[in-house]
């Protein structure tokens, strides 16, 4: 029964490996992992704790484990790399225990996308996007509430009334003619 448990853990680990391996790469198969995604996994899963394991350690282990001319590691190499790091991350535990702790950090995780694009409310940006402060022709493009008027605000819509633009008495001709009879 112990074999089954180990196999189950591996699959959760492998699933996490695959999720990180394909992250940000549309061509990735999930069988190999780039250094960039390896360090992302180490950050997101808190393998890098800033004390025992740093980004440098993670990069060194990656370089050591991968082949000379290759830029990626396989799942097998990934497990080797974790074993290397687990000794540093969980000092004082047996290799086996440390590795299990390591797996627990990673299992069921995927690349975190939280807080990737936060909109910054800087005074500069809010000043530039406050339509009430616009002047000139740009002012005409928004109504009082600051909502854009769309095409009407952008294009000079042609006035086909037959009067010169700016003529104040448009539409009064008929009244004058009728009034004179």
N, C-alpha and C. Protein backbone atom coordinates (compact mmCIF):
# COMPACT_ATOMS: atom_id res chain seq x y z
N UNK A 1 0.84 -1.21 0.00
CA UNK A 1 0.00 0.00 0.00
C UNK A 1 0.87 1.26 0.00
N UNK A 2 2.10 1.12 0.50
CA UNK A 2 2.99 2.29 0.55
C UNK A 2 3.34 2.77 -0.87
N UNK A 3 3.48 1.82 -1.79
CA UNK A 3 3.78 2.17 -3.18
C UNK A 3 2.70 3.07 -3.76
N UNK A 4 1.46 2.70 -3.52
CA UNK A 4 0.33 3.46 -4.06
C UNK A 4 0.33 4.90 -3.57
N UNK A 5 0.61 5.07 -2.28
CA UNK A 5 0.64 6.42 -1.71
C UNK A 5 1.72 7.26 -2.38
N UNK A 6 2.89 6.63 -2.56
CA UNK A 6 4.00 7.34 -3.19
C UNK A 6 3.64 7.73 -4.62
N UNK A 7 3.00 6.81 -5.33
CA UNK A 7 2.63 7.08 -6.72
C UNK A 7 1.62 8.23 -6.78
N UNK A 8 0.71 8.26 -5.83
CA UNK A 8 -0.29 9.33 -5.78
C UNK A 8 0.36 10.69 -5.57
N UNK A 9 1.32 10.70 -4.65
CA UNK A 9 2.03 11.96 -4.38
C UNK A 9 2.79 12.43 -5.62
N UNK A 10 3.40 11.48 -6.30
CA UNK A 10 4.16 11.81 -7.50
C UNK A 10 3.25 12.48 -8.52
N UNK A 11 2.05 11.94 -8.67
CA UNK A 11 1.18 12.51 -9.70
C UNK A 11 0.79 13.95 -9.36
N UNK A 12 0.56 14.23 -8.07
CA UNK A 12 0.25 15.61 -7.69
C UNK A 12 1.46 16.51 -7.93
N UNK A 13 2.62 15.95 -7.66
CA UNK A 13 3.86 16.68 -7.88
C UNK A 13 4.07 16.91 -9.37
N UNK A 14 3.84 15.83 -10.13
CA UNK A 14 4.04 15.92 -11.57
C UNK A 14 3.06 16.90 -12.20
N UNK A 15 1.85 16.91 -11.66
CA UNK A 15 0.84 17.84 -12.17
C UNK A 15 1.30 19.28 -11.94
N UNK A 16 1.82 19.56 -10.75
CA UNK A 16 2.34 20.89 -10.46
C UNK A 16 3.50 21.22 -11.40
N UNK A 17 4.38 20.21 -11.60
CA UNK A 17 5.51 20.40 -12.51
C UNK A 17 5.00 20.80 -13.90
N UNK A 18 3.99 20.07 -14.38
CA UNK A 18 3.45 20.35 -15.72
C UNK A 18 2.86 21.74 -15.79
N UNK A 19 2.09 22.12 -14.77
CA UNK A 19 1.44 23.44 -14.78
C UNK A 19 2.49 24.54 -14.89
N UNK A 20 3.56 24.40 -14.10
CA UNK A 20 4.60 25.42 -14.14
C UNK A 20 5.41 25.34 -15.43
N UNK A 21 5.58 24.11 -15.95
CA UNK A 21 6.39 23.93 -17.15
C UNK A 21 5.76 24.64 -18.35
N UNK A 22 4.43 24.62 -18.45
CA UNK A 22 3.78 25.24 -19.61
C UNK A 22 3.49 26.72 -19.37
N UNK A 23 3.66 27.19 -18.15
CA UNK A 23 3.30 28.57 -17.82
C UNK A 23 4.04 29.57 -18.71
N UNK A 24 3.28 30.43 -19.36
CA UNK A 24 3.88 31.51 -20.13
C UNK A 24 4.52 31.06 -21.43
N UNK A 25 4.36 29.80 -21.79
CA UNK A 25 4.96 29.32 -23.05
C UNK A 25 3.91 28.52 -23.81
N UNK A 26 3.46 29.06 -24.92
CA UNK A 26 2.38 28.41 -25.67
C UNK A 26 2.86 27.14 -26.36
N UNK A 27 4.19 27.03 -26.60
CA UNK A 27 4.70 25.84 -27.30
C UNK A 27 5.10 24.72 -26.36
N UNK A 28 5.08 25.00 -25.05
CA UNK A 28 5.58 24.02 -24.09
C UNK A 28 4.67 22.80 -24.02
N UNK A 29 5.30 21.63 -23.84
CA UNK A 29 4.54 20.38 -23.76
C UNK A 29 4.26 20.00 -22.31
N UNK A 30 5.02 20.57 -21.38
CA UNK A 30 4.87 20.22 -19.99
C UNK A 30 5.82 19.11 -19.58
N UNK A 31 6.66 18.66 -20.51
CA UNK A 31 7.62 17.60 -20.19
C UNK A 31 8.95 18.16 -19.71
N UNK A 32 9.28 19.38 -20.16
CA UNK A 32 10.51 20.01 -19.68
C UNK A 32 10.16 21.36 -19.07
N UNK A 33 11.05 21.83 -18.20
CA UNK A 33 10.82 23.11 -17.55
C UNK A 33 12.02 24.03 -17.77
N UNK A 34 11.73 25.28 -18.14
CA UNK A 34 12.76 26.29 -18.31
C UNK A 34 13.23 26.80 -16.97
N UNK A 35 14.39 27.41 -16.94
CA UNK A 35 14.92 27.99 -15.72
C UNK A 35 14.00 29.05 -15.14
N UNK A 36 13.40 29.83 -16.04
CA UNK A 36 12.52 30.91 -15.59
C UNK A 36 11.33 30.33 -14.82
N UNK A 37 10.74 29.28 -15.38
CA UNK A 37 9.59 28.67 -14.72
C UNK A 37 9.99 27.90 -13.47
N UNK A 38 11.19 27.37 -13.48
CA UNK A 38 11.72 26.69 -12.29
C UNK A 38 11.83 27.69 -11.14
N UNK A 39 12.38 28.88 -11.41
CA UNK A 39 12.48 29.85 -10.31
C UNK A 39 11.10 30.38 -9.92
N UNK A 40 10.18 30.45 -10.88
CA UNK A 40 8.82 30.87 -10.54
C UNK A 40 8.18 29.84 -9.60
N UNK A 41 8.35 28.57 -9.92
CA UNK A 41 7.82 27.51 -9.07
C UNK A 41 8.41 27.64 -7.67
N UNK A 42 9.72 27.85 -7.61
CA UNK A 42 10.37 27.94 -6.30
C UNK A 42 9.89 29.15 -5.50
N UNK A 43 9.57 30.25 -6.21
CA UNK A 43 9.03 31.42 -5.52
C UNK A 43 7.59 31.17 -5.08
N UNK A 44 6.74 30.78 -6.03
CA UNK A 44 5.31 30.62 -5.75
C UNK A 44 5.04 29.56 -4.70
N UNK A 45 5.86 28.52 -4.65
CA UNK A 45 5.63 27.43 -3.68
C UNK A 45 6.42 27.64 -2.40
N UNK A 46 7.04 28.81 -2.26
CA UNK A 46 7.78 29.17 -1.05
C UNK A 46 8.94 28.23 -0.75
N UNK A 47 9.56 27.71 -1.80
CA UNK A 47 10.78 26.94 -1.59
C UNK A 47 11.89 27.93 -1.28
N UNK A 48 11.85 29.08 -1.97
CA UNK A 48 12.78 30.16 -1.66
C UNK A 48 12.23 30.83 -0.41
N UNK A 49 13.00 30.74 0.69
CA UNK A 49 12.51 31.36 1.92
C UNK A 49 13.36 32.56 2.32
N UNK A 50 14.38 32.85 1.49
CA UNK A 50 15.20 34.02 1.78
C UNK A 50 16.26 33.78 2.85
N UNK A 51 16.15 32.67 3.57
CA UNK A 51 17.16 32.36 4.59
C UNK A 51 18.04 31.21 4.13
N UNK A 52 17.44 30.01 4.09
CA UNK A 52 18.20 28.82 3.71
C UNK A 52 18.32 28.70 2.20
N UNK A 53 17.26 29.09 1.50
CA UNK A 53 17.25 28.96 0.05
C UNK A 53 16.98 30.33 -0.57
N UNK A 54 17.87 30.76 -1.44
CA UNK A 54 17.70 32.05 -2.12
C UNK A 54 17.54 31.81 -3.62
N UNK A 55 17.23 32.86 -4.36
CA UNK A 55 17.09 32.73 -5.81
C UNK A 55 18.39 32.21 -6.42
N UNK A 56 19.53 32.63 -5.86
CA UNK A 56 20.82 32.18 -6.37
C UNK A 56 20.96 30.67 -6.23
N UNK A 57 20.60 30.14 -5.04
CA UNK A 57 20.66 28.69 -4.84
C UNK A 57 19.84 27.96 -5.89
N UNK A 58 18.65 28.47 -6.11
CA UNK A 58 17.73 27.86 -7.05
C UNK A 58 18.35 27.83 -8.46
N UNK A 59 18.97 28.95 -8.86
CA UNK A 59 19.60 29.02 -10.18
C UNK A 59 20.80 28.08 -10.28
N UNK A 60 21.59 28.00 -9.20
CA UNK A 60 22.77 27.14 -9.22
C UNK A 60 22.36 25.68 -9.37
N UNK A 61 21.37 25.27 -8.57
CA UNK A 61 20.90 23.89 -8.64
C UNK A 61 20.39 23.58 -10.05
N UNK A 62 19.65 24.52 -10.63
CA UNK A 62 19.12 24.31 -11.98
C UNK A 62 20.26 24.09 -12.97
N UNK A 63 21.26 24.96 -12.92
CA UNK A 63 22.39 24.86 -13.85
C UNK A 63 23.15 23.56 -13.66
N UNK A 64 23.26 23.13 -12.41
CA UNK A 64 24.02 21.93 -12.10
C UNK A 64 23.30 20.69 -12.65
N UNK A 65 21.97 20.67 -12.52
CA UNK A 65 21.20 19.48 -12.86
C UNK A 65 20.96 19.34 -14.36
N UNK A 66 20.71 20.44 -15.03
CA UNK A 66 20.40 20.33 -16.47
C UNK A 66 21.64 19.93 -17.27
N UNK A 67 21.41 19.43 -18.48
CA UNK A 67 22.54 19.04 -19.33
C UNK A 67 23.31 20.26 -19.78
N UNK A 68 24.52 20.05 -20.31
CA UNK A 68 25.38 21.16 -20.71
C UNK A 68 24.74 22.07 -21.77
N UNK A 69 24.24 21.45 -22.84
CA UNK A 69 23.75 22.26 -23.95
C UNK A 69 22.24 22.48 -23.91
N UNK A 70 21.60 22.06 -22.82
CA UNK A 70 20.14 22.14 -22.73
C UNK A 70 19.72 23.34 -21.89
N UNK A 71 18.53 23.81 -22.13
CA UNK A 71 18.04 24.94 -21.36
C UNK A 71 16.87 24.56 -20.46
N UNK A 72 16.54 23.27 -20.44
CA UNK A 72 15.39 22.84 -19.65
C UNK A 72 15.76 21.61 -18.83
N UNK A 73 14.90 21.30 -17.83
CA UNK A 73 15.07 20.07 -17.07
C UNK A 73 13.82 19.21 -17.24
N UNK A 74 14.00 17.90 -17.16
CA UNK A 74 12.87 16.97 -17.25
C UNK A 74 12.28 16.79 -15.85
N UNK A 75 11.20 16.02 -15.78
CA UNK A 75 10.58 15.78 -14.47
C UNK A 75 11.53 15.02 -13.55
N UNK A 76 12.28 14.07 -14.13
CA UNK A 76 13.25 13.32 -13.32
C UNK A 76 14.32 14.27 -12.75
N UNK A 77 14.84 15.15 -13.61
CA UNK A 77 15.85 16.11 -13.16
C UNK A 77 15.25 17.09 -12.14
N UNK A 78 13.97 17.40 -12.35
CA UNK A 78 13.25 18.28 -11.44
C UNK A 78 13.25 17.68 -10.03
N UNK A 79 13.00 16.36 -9.95
CA UNK A 79 13.00 15.70 -8.64
C UNK A 79 14.40 15.71 -8.03
N UNK A 80 15.42 15.54 -8.87
CA UNK A 80 16.80 15.65 -8.39
C UNK A 80 17.07 17.03 -7.81
N UNK A 81 16.64 18.03 -8.55
CA UNK A 81 16.85 19.41 -8.12
C UNK A 81 16.16 19.66 -6.78
N UNK A 82 14.95 19.13 -6.64
CA UNK A 82 14.22 19.29 -5.38
C UNK A 82 14.97 18.62 -4.23
N UNK A 83 15.56 17.47 -4.53
CA UNK A 83 16.31 16.76 -3.51
C UNK A 83 17.50 17.60 -3.04
N UNK A 84 18.19 18.19 -4.01
CA UNK A 84 19.31 19.08 -3.69
C UNK A 84 18.85 20.20 -2.76
N UNK A 85 17.77 20.86 -3.17
CA UNK A 85 17.31 22.02 -2.42
C UNK A 85 16.70 21.63 -1.07
N UNK A 86 16.07 20.47 -1.00
CA UNK A 86 15.39 20.08 0.24
C UNK A 86 16.39 19.98 1.40
N UNK A 87 17.63 19.60 1.09
CA UNK A 87 18.66 19.51 2.14
C UNK A 87 18.93 20.89 2.73
N UNK A 88 18.89 21.90 1.86
CA UNK A 88 19.13 23.27 2.34
C UNK A 88 17.90 23.83 3.03
N UNK A 89 16.74 23.59 2.40
CA UNK A 89 15.49 24.20 2.89
C UNK A 89 15.07 23.62 4.23
N UNK A 90 15.21 22.30 4.40
CA UNK A 90 14.81 21.67 5.65
C UNK A 90 16.03 21.05 6.32
N UNK A 91 16.92 21.92 6.80
CA UNK A 91 18.13 21.46 7.48
C UNK A 91 17.73 20.67 8.71
N UNK A 92 18.52 19.64 9.01
CA UNK A 92 18.26 18.89 10.23
C UNK A 92 17.26 17.76 10.07
N UNK A 93 16.58 17.70 8.94
CA UNK A 93 15.69 16.56 8.69
C UNK A 93 16.45 15.54 7.85
N UNK A 94 15.97 14.30 7.89
CA UNK A 94 16.60 13.29 7.04
C UNK A 94 16.31 13.64 5.58
N UNK A 95 17.15 13.15 4.67
CA UNK A 95 16.95 13.45 3.25
C UNK A 95 15.53 13.11 2.81
N UNK A 96 15.05 11.95 3.26
CA UNK A 96 13.72 11.49 2.85
C UNK A 96 12.64 12.43 3.37
N UNK A 97 12.75 12.78 4.67
CA UNK A 97 11.77 13.69 5.28
C UNK A 97 11.78 15.05 4.58
N UNK A 98 13.00 15.54 4.35
CA UNK A 98 13.15 16.85 3.72
C UNK A 98 12.49 16.85 2.35
N UNK A 99 12.68 15.75 1.61
CA UNK A 99 12.11 15.65 0.27
C UNK A 99 10.59 15.63 0.34
N UNK A 100 10.05 14.89 1.30
CA UNK A 100 8.59 14.84 1.46
C UNK A 100 8.03 16.23 1.78
N UNK A 101 8.72 16.95 2.66
CA UNK A 101 8.30 18.32 3.00
C UNK A 101 8.29 19.19 1.75
N UNK A 102 9.32 19.00 0.94
CA UNK A 102 9.48 19.74 -0.30
C UNK A 102 8.28 19.48 -1.23
N UNK A 103 7.94 18.19 -1.37
CA UNK A 103 6.81 17.82 -2.23
C UNK A 103 5.52 18.46 -1.72
N UNK A 104 5.36 18.50 -0.40
CA UNK A 104 4.14 19.07 0.18
C UNK A 104 3.99 20.53 -0.21
N UNK A 105 5.13 21.23 -0.31
CA UNK A 105 5.07 22.65 -0.68
C UNK A 105 4.53 22.83 -2.10
N UNK A 106 4.83 21.85 -2.95
CA UNK A 106 4.56 22.02 -4.38
C UNK A 106 3.24 21.40 -4.83
N UNK A 107 2.89 20.26 -4.22
CA UNK A 107 1.73 19.50 -4.69
C UNK A 107 0.47 20.35 -4.78
N UNK A 108 -0.23 20.14 -5.89
CA UNK A 108 -1.51 20.80 -6.09
C UNK A 108 -1.40 22.28 -6.40
N UNK A 109 -0.18 22.78 -6.56
CA UNK A 109 -0.02 24.21 -6.85
C UNK A 109 0.08 24.44 -8.35
N UNK A 110 -0.24 25.65 -8.73
CA UNK A 110 -0.06 26.07 -10.11
C UNK A 110 0.56 27.45 -10.09
N UNK A 111 0.99 27.95 -11.24
CA UNK A 111 1.61 29.28 -11.27
C UNK A 111 0.61 30.33 -10.78
N UNK A 112 1.00 31.11 -9.83
CA UNK A 112 0.09 32.13 -9.30
C UNK A 112 0.01 33.32 -10.22
N UNK A 113 -1.18 33.77 -10.47
CA UNK A 113 -1.34 34.95 -11.31
C UNK A 113 -1.87 36.10 -10.48
N UNK A 114 -1.89 35.92 -9.17
CA UNK A 114 -2.46 36.95 -8.32
C UNK A 114 -1.55 38.16 -8.29
N UNK A 115 -2.15 39.32 -8.43
CA UNK A 115 -1.40 40.56 -8.34
C UNK A 115 -0.43 40.77 -9.47
N UNK A 116 -0.69 40.18 -10.62
CA UNK A 116 0.24 40.38 -11.73
C UNK A 116 0.07 41.77 -12.29
N UNK A 117 -1.19 42.15 -12.56
CA UNK A 117 -1.41 43.50 -13.07
C UNK A 117 -2.31 44.25 -12.11
N UNK A 118 -1.70 45.02 -11.25
CA UNK A 118 -2.49 45.88 -10.37
C UNK A 118 -2.48 47.25 -10.99
N UNK A 119 -3.64 47.89 -11.03
CA UNK A 119 -3.66 49.24 -11.57
C UNK A 119 -3.15 50.17 -10.49
N UNK A 120 -2.26 51.02 -10.87
CA UNK A 120 -1.67 51.93 -9.91
C UNK A 120 -2.45 53.22 -9.93
N UNK A 121 -2.94 53.63 -8.77
CA UNK A 121 -3.67 54.89 -8.69
C UNK A 121 -2.68 56.00 -8.37
N UNK A 122 -1.94 56.42 -9.39
CA UNK A 122 -0.97 57.48 -9.14
C UNK A 122 -1.64 58.82 -9.48
N UNK A 123 -1.25 59.87 -8.79
CA UNK A 123 -1.85 61.18 -9.06
C UNK A 123 -1.65 61.61 -10.51
N UNK A 124 -0.51 61.23 -11.09
CA UNK A 124 -0.23 61.60 -12.49
C UNK A 124 -1.28 61.01 -13.41
N UNK A 125 -1.50 59.70 -13.28
CA UNK A 125 -2.43 59.03 -14.17
C UNK A 125 -3.84 59.57 -13.97
N UNK A 126 -4.25 59.77 -12.71
CA UNK A 126 -5.61 60.24 -12.50
C UNK A 126 -5.80 61.65 -13.07
N UNK A 127 -4.72 62.46 -13.02
CA UNK A 127 -4.82 63.80 -13.60
C UNK A 127 -4.97 63.72 -15.12
N UNK A 128 -4.25 62.78 -15.72
CA UNK A 128 -4.31 62.66 -17.18
C UNK A 128 -5.62 62.06 -17.66
N UNK A 129 -6.29 61.30 -16.80
CA UNK A 129 -7.53 60.65 -17.24
C UNK A 129 -8.78 61.34 -16.71
N UNK A 130 -8.61 62.46 -16.02
CA UNK A 130 -9.77 63.20 -15.51
C UNK A 130 -10.31 64.09 -16.63
N UNK A 131 -11.44 63.67 -17.22
CA UNK A 131 -11.94 64.37 -18.41
C UNK A 131 -12.43 65.78 -18.09
N UNK A 132 -12.73 66.06 -16.83
CA UNK A 132 -13.22 67.39 -16.50
C UNK A 132 -12.12 68.44 -16.63
N UNK A 133 -10.86 67.99 -16.65
CA UNK A 133 -9.75 68.93 -16.77
C UNK A 133 -9.29 69.10 -18.22
N UNK A 134 -9.94 68.40 -19.14
CA UNK A 134 -9.54 68.51 -20.55
C UNK A 134 -9.89 69.89 -21.10
N UNK A 135 -9.09 70.33 -22.08
CA UNK A 135 -9.35 71.64 -22.69
C UNK A 135 -9.43 71.48 -24.20
N UNK A 136 -9.77 72.54 -24.88
CA UNK A 136 -9.77 72.56 -26.34
C UNK A 136 -10.72 71.54 -26.93
N UNK A 137 -10.30 70.97 -28.07
CA UNK A 137 -11.19 70.05 -28.79
C UNK A 137 -11.42 68.76 -28.00
N UNK A 138 -10.49 68.41 -27.10
CA UNK A 138 -10.64 67.17 -26.33
C UNK A 138 -11.81 67.26 -25.36
N UNK A 139 -12.06 68.48 -24.89
CA UNK A 139 -13.14 68.71 -23.94
C UNK A 139 -14.47 68.33 -24.57
N UNK A 140 -14.57 68.54 -25.88
CA UNK A 140 -15.84 68.29 -26.59
C UNK A 140 -16.15 66.81 -26.69
N UNK A 141 -15.16 65.96 -26.44
CA UNK A 141 -15.36 64.53 -26.66
C UNK A 141 -16.06 63.83 -25.52
N UNK A 142 -16.29 64.53 -24.40
CA UNK A 142 -16.90 63.88 -23.24
C UNK A 142 -18.10 64.69 -22.77
N UNK A 143 -19.12 63.98 -22.26
CA UNK A 143 -20.26 64.72 -21.70
C UNK A 143 -19.92 65.11 -20.26
N UNK A 144 -20.84 65.75 -19.57
CA UNK A 144 -20.59 66.26 -18.22
C UNK A 144 -20.15 65.17 -17.24
N UNK A 145 -20.67 63.96 -17.41
CA UNK A 145 -20.34 62.89 -16.47
C UNK A 145 -18.96 62.29 -16.74
N UNK A 146 -18.32 62.70 -17.83
CA UNK A 146 -17.00 62.17 -18.15
C UNK A 146 -17.07 60.97 -19.06
N UNK A 147 -18.26 60.64 -19.52
CA UNK A 147 -18.41 59.51 -20.42
C UNK A 147 -18.15 59.99 -21.85
N UNK A 148 -17.42 59.19 -22.62
CA UNK A 148 -17.10 59.60 -23.98
C UNK A 148 -18.34 59.68 -24.85
N UNK A 149 -18.34 60.60 -25.81
CA UNK A 149 -19.49 60.74 -26.70
C UNK A 149 -19.36 59.86 -27.94
N UNK A 150 -18.26 59.14 -28.03
CA UNK A 150 -18.07 58.27 -29.19
C UNK A 150 -17.76 59.08 -30.43
N UNK A 151 -18.34 58.66 -31.56
CA UNK A 151 -18.02 59.27 -32.84
C UNK A 151 -18.37 60.75 -32.88
N UNK A 152 -19.48 61.11 -32.25
CA UNK A 152 -19.91 62.50 -32.28
C UNK A 152 -18.85 63.41 -31.66
N UNK A 153 -18.13 62.91 -30.66
CA UNK A 153 -17.11 63.73 -30.01
C UNK A 153 -15.83 63.80 -30.80
N UNK A 154 -15.63 62.85 -31.72
CA UNK A 154 -14.37 62.79 -32.44
C UNK A 154 -14.40 63.43 -33.80
N UNK A 155 -15.52 63.25 -34.50
CA UNK A 155 -15.55 63.73 -35.88
C UNK A 155 -16.39 64.97 -36.00
N UNK A 156 -16.03 65.81 -36.93
CA UNK A 156 -16.87 66.97 -37.20
C UNK A 156 -18.01 66.46 -38.06
N UNK A 157 -19.18 66.32 -37.42
CA UNK A 157 -20.32 65.81 -38.18
C UNK A 157 -20.83 66.94 -39.06
N UNK A 158 -21.10 66.63 -40.32
CA UNK A 158 -21.45 67.65 -41.29
C UNK A 158 -22.88 68.15 -41.04
N UNK A 159 -22.98 69.47 -41.01
CA UNK A 159 -24.28 70.10 -40.82
C UNK A 159 -24.85 70.38 -42.21
N UNK A 160 -25.91 69.66 -42.60
CA UNK A 160 -26.46 69.82 -43.95
C UNK A 160 -27.65 70.77 -44.01
N UNK A 161 -27.75 71.66 -43.03
CA UNK A 161 -28.92 72.54 -42.98
C UNK A 161 -28.87 73.63 -44.05
N UNK A 162 -27.68 73.85 -44.65
CA UNK A 162 -27.56 74.89 -45.67
C UNK A 162 -27.09 76.21 -45.10
N UNK A 163 -26.93 76.30 -43.80
CA UNK A 163 -26.45 77.54 -43.20
C UNK A 163 -24.96 77.46 -42.93
N UNK A 164 -24.31 78.61 -42.93
CA UNK A 164 -22.90 78.67 -42.60
C UNK A 164 -22.77 78.35 -41.12
N UNK A 165 -21.71 77.59 -40.78
CA UNK A 165 -21.57 77.23 -39.36
C UNK A 165 -21.41 78.50 -38.54
N UNK A 166 -22.03 78.51 -37.37
CA UNK A 166 -21.93 79.67 -36.50
C UNK A 166 -22.99 80.72 -36.78
N UNK A 167 -23.81 80.55 -37.83
CA UNK A 167 -24.85 81.54 -38.12
C UNK A 167 -25.95 81.43 -37.08
N UNK A 168 -26.25 82.57 -36.41
CA UNK A 168 -27.14 82.53 -35.25
C UNK A 168 -28.62 82.36 -35.61
N UNK A 169 -29.05 82.86 -36.75
CA UNK A 169 -30.48 82.89 -37.05
C UNK A 169 -30.92 81.77 -37.97
N UNK A 170 -30.27 80.59 -37.82
CA UNK A 170 -30.62 79.45 -38.67
C UNK A 170 -32.08 79.09 -38.46
N UNK A 171 -32.78 78.82 -39.56
CA UNK A 171 -34.17 78.39 -39.48
C UNK A 171 -35.18 79.51 -39.35
N UNK A 172 -34.76 80.76 -39.49
CA UNK A 172 -35.71 81.88 -39.32
C UNK A 172 -36.17 82.45 -40.67
N UNK A 173 -35.63 81.98 -41.79
CA UNK A 173 -35.94 82.54 -43.09
C UNK A 173 -37.45 82.51 -43.39
N UNK A 174 -38.05 81.33 -43.17
CA UNK A 174 -39.48 81.22 -43.51
C UNK A 174 -40.33 82.20 -42.72
N UNK A 175 -40.01 82.43 -41.47
CA UNK A 175 -40.81 83.36 -40.66
C UNK A 175 -40.75 84.76 -41.24
N UNK A 176 -39.56 85.18 -41.67
CA UNK A 176 -39.39 86.53 -42.23
C UNK A 176 -40.23 86.66 -43.51
N UNK A 177 -40.13 85.65 -44.38
CA UNK A 177 -40.85 85.72 -45.66
C UNK A 177 -42.35 85.77 -45.41
N UNK A 178 -42.85 84.86 -44.52
CA UNK A 178 -44.27 84.83 -44.24
C UNK A 178 -44.72 86.16 -43.58
N UNK A 179 -43.85 86.68 -42.73
CA UNK A 179 -44.20 87.90 -41.99
C UNK A 179 -44.34 89.09 -42.91
N UNK A 180 -43.70 89.13 -44.04
CA UNK A 180 -43.72 90.29 -44.93
C UNK A 180 -44.93 90.32 -45.84
N UNK A 181 -45.69 89.24 -45.95
CA UNK A 181 -46.80 89.20 -46.90
C UNK A 181 -47.98 89.98 -46.38
